[in-house]
Protein backbone atom coordinates (compact mmCIF):
# COMPACT_ATOMS: atom_id res chain seq x y z
CA MET A 1 0.09 -0.32 -0.04
CA SER A 2 1.73 3.32 -0.87
CA THR A 3 0.29 6.85 0.05
CA GLY A 4 -2.13 8.49 -2.33
CA ASP A 5 -3.39 5.43 -3.71
CA GLY A 6 -6.78 4.96 -2.02
CA SER A 7 -5.67 2.66 0.55
CA ILE A 8 -7.51 2.09 3.92
CA SER A 9 -4.39 3.77 5.61
CA ASP A 10 -5.15 6.97 3.31
CA PHE A 11 -8.49 6.53 4.66
CA PHE A 12 -7.51 6.79 8.24
CA LYS A 13 -5.50 9.71 7.36
CA THR A 14 -8.61 11.95 6.43
CA LEU A 15 -9.44 11.31 10.59
CA VAL A 16 -6.35 12.91 11.81
CA ASP A 17 -7.08 14.92 14.94
CA HIS A 18 -10.64 13.26 15.32
CA GLU A 19 -11.19 11.35 18.53
CA VAL A 20 -11.17 7.40 17.90
CA THR A 21 -11.65 4.19 19.85
CA VAL A 22 -8.98 1.53 19.02
CA GLU A 23 -9.84 -1.81 20.58
CA LEU A 24 -6.96 -4.10 20.83
CA LYS A 25 -6.77 -7.80 20.42
CA ASN A 26 -6.40 -8.46 24.27
CA ASP A 27 -9.53 -6.80 25.03
CA ILE A 28 -8.19 -2.98 26.03
CA GLN A 29 -10.01 -0.01 24.45
CA ILE A 30 -8.12 3.17 24.29
CA ARG A 31 -9.69 6.36 23.44
CA GLY A 32 -7.60 9.30 22.06
CA THR A 33 -6.81 11.72 19.39
CA LEU A 34 -5.49 10.14 16.08
CA LYS A 35 -2.36 12.09 15.31
CA SER A 36 -0.56 9.57 12.63
CA VAL A 37 -1.33 6.45 10.64
CA ASP A 38 1.16 4.71 8.47
CA GLN A 39 0.98 1.93 5.70
CA TYR A 40 1.09 -0.84 8.07
CA LEU A 41 -2.05 0.70 10.07
CA ASN A 42 0.41 1.36 13.03
CA ILE A 43 -1.51 4.15 15.24
CA LYS A 44 -0.34 7.22 17.35
CA LEU A 45 -2.91 8.82 19.64
CA ASP A 46 -2.35 11.33 22.02
CA ASN A 47 -4.34 12.28 24.88
CA ILE A 48 -5.61 8.92 25.79
CA SER A 49 -7.85 7.51 28.13
CA VAL A 50 -8.48 3.74 28.77
CA VAL A 51 -12.06 2.85 28.71
CA GLU A 52 -11.81 0.25 31.29
CA ASP A 53 -9.66 2.14 33.68
CA LEU A 54 -10.33 0.64 36.92
CA LYS A 55 -9.21 -2.89 34.95
CA TYR A 56 -6.09 -1.13 33.58
CA PRO A 57 -4.76 1.00 36.35
CA HIS A 58 -1.33 0.87 35.24
CA LEU A 59 -1.95 2.92 31.99
CA SER A 60 -3.70 5.66 33.99
CA SER A 61 -0.76 7.71 33.70
CA VAL A 62 0.01 7.01 30.01
CA LYS A 63 -0.80 10.18 27.55
CA ASN A 64 0.59 9.45 24.48
CA VAL A 65 0.74 5.50 22.64
CA PHE A 66 1.91 4.33 19.43
CA ILE A 67 -0.12 1.06 18.54
CA ARG A 68 1.51 -1.33 16.33
CA GLY A 69 -1.07 -2.15 13.43
CA SER A 70 -0.82 -5.97 14.03
CA VAL A 71 -2.45 -5.68 17.66
CA VAL A 72 -5.27 -3.79 16.53
CA ARG A 73 -8.75 -5.69 16.50
CA TYR A 74 -11.17 -2.85 15.48
CA VAL A 75 -11.00 0.94 15.28
CA HIS A 76 -14.27 2.52 16.51
CA LEU A 77 -14.54 5.98 14.43
CA PRO A 78 -16.52 8.98 14.88
CA GLY A 79 -19.77 8.81 12.44
CA SER A 80 -19.79 12.27 11.34
CA ALA A 81 -16.45 12.43 10.30
CA VAL A 82 -16.38 9.40 8.04
CA ASP A 83 -16.23 10.02 4.43
CA THR A 84 -17.98 6.62 3.32
CA ALA A 85 -17.87 7.19 -0.10
CA LEU A 86 -14.18 7.25 0.52
CA LEU A 87 -14.11 4.40 2.70
CA GLU A 88 -16.08 2.14 0.32
CA ASP A 89 -13.40 2.95 -2.38
CA ALA A 90 -10.68 2.30 -0.18
CA THR A 91 -12.35 -1.18 0.94
CA ARG A 92 -12.82 -2.05 -2.70
CA ARG A 93 -9.13 -1.37 -3.64
CA GLU A 94 -8.01 -3.19 -0.55
CA ALA A 95 -9.95 -6.40 -1.86
CA ALA A 96 -8.68 -5.90 -5.30
CA ASN A 97 -5.52 -5.91 -4.06
CA GLN A 98 -5.56 -9.00 -1.92
CA ALA A 99 -7.37 -10.57 -4.57
CA GLY A 100 -4.45 -10.26 -6.74
CA LYS A 101 -1.75 -11.02 -4.38
CA VAL A 102 -3.83 -14.39 -4.01
CA ALA A 103 -4.06 -15.07 -7.59
CA LYS A 104 -0.22 -14.60 -8.15
């Protein structure tokens, strides 16, 4: 996935400076301001809070995180900030790219 080709990472880049909630594969949910996303879907969040802070008190003092894309289960997006046409296009392109890789 390269920058500017209509990829999923390009879609996420349109949400920079919006609040998102990232759900990790270990069930931790982290809410924060999206600061960056790269082609591997690694995510940087600022001003974070953990959704179940009593369950994860060791994260209460953390304010900024870098999340490796491979540990992300879901990214919950603000509905008002989502360009659905761009999301649909990015999804189609990703599916076509994956189908092309499987066919080779």
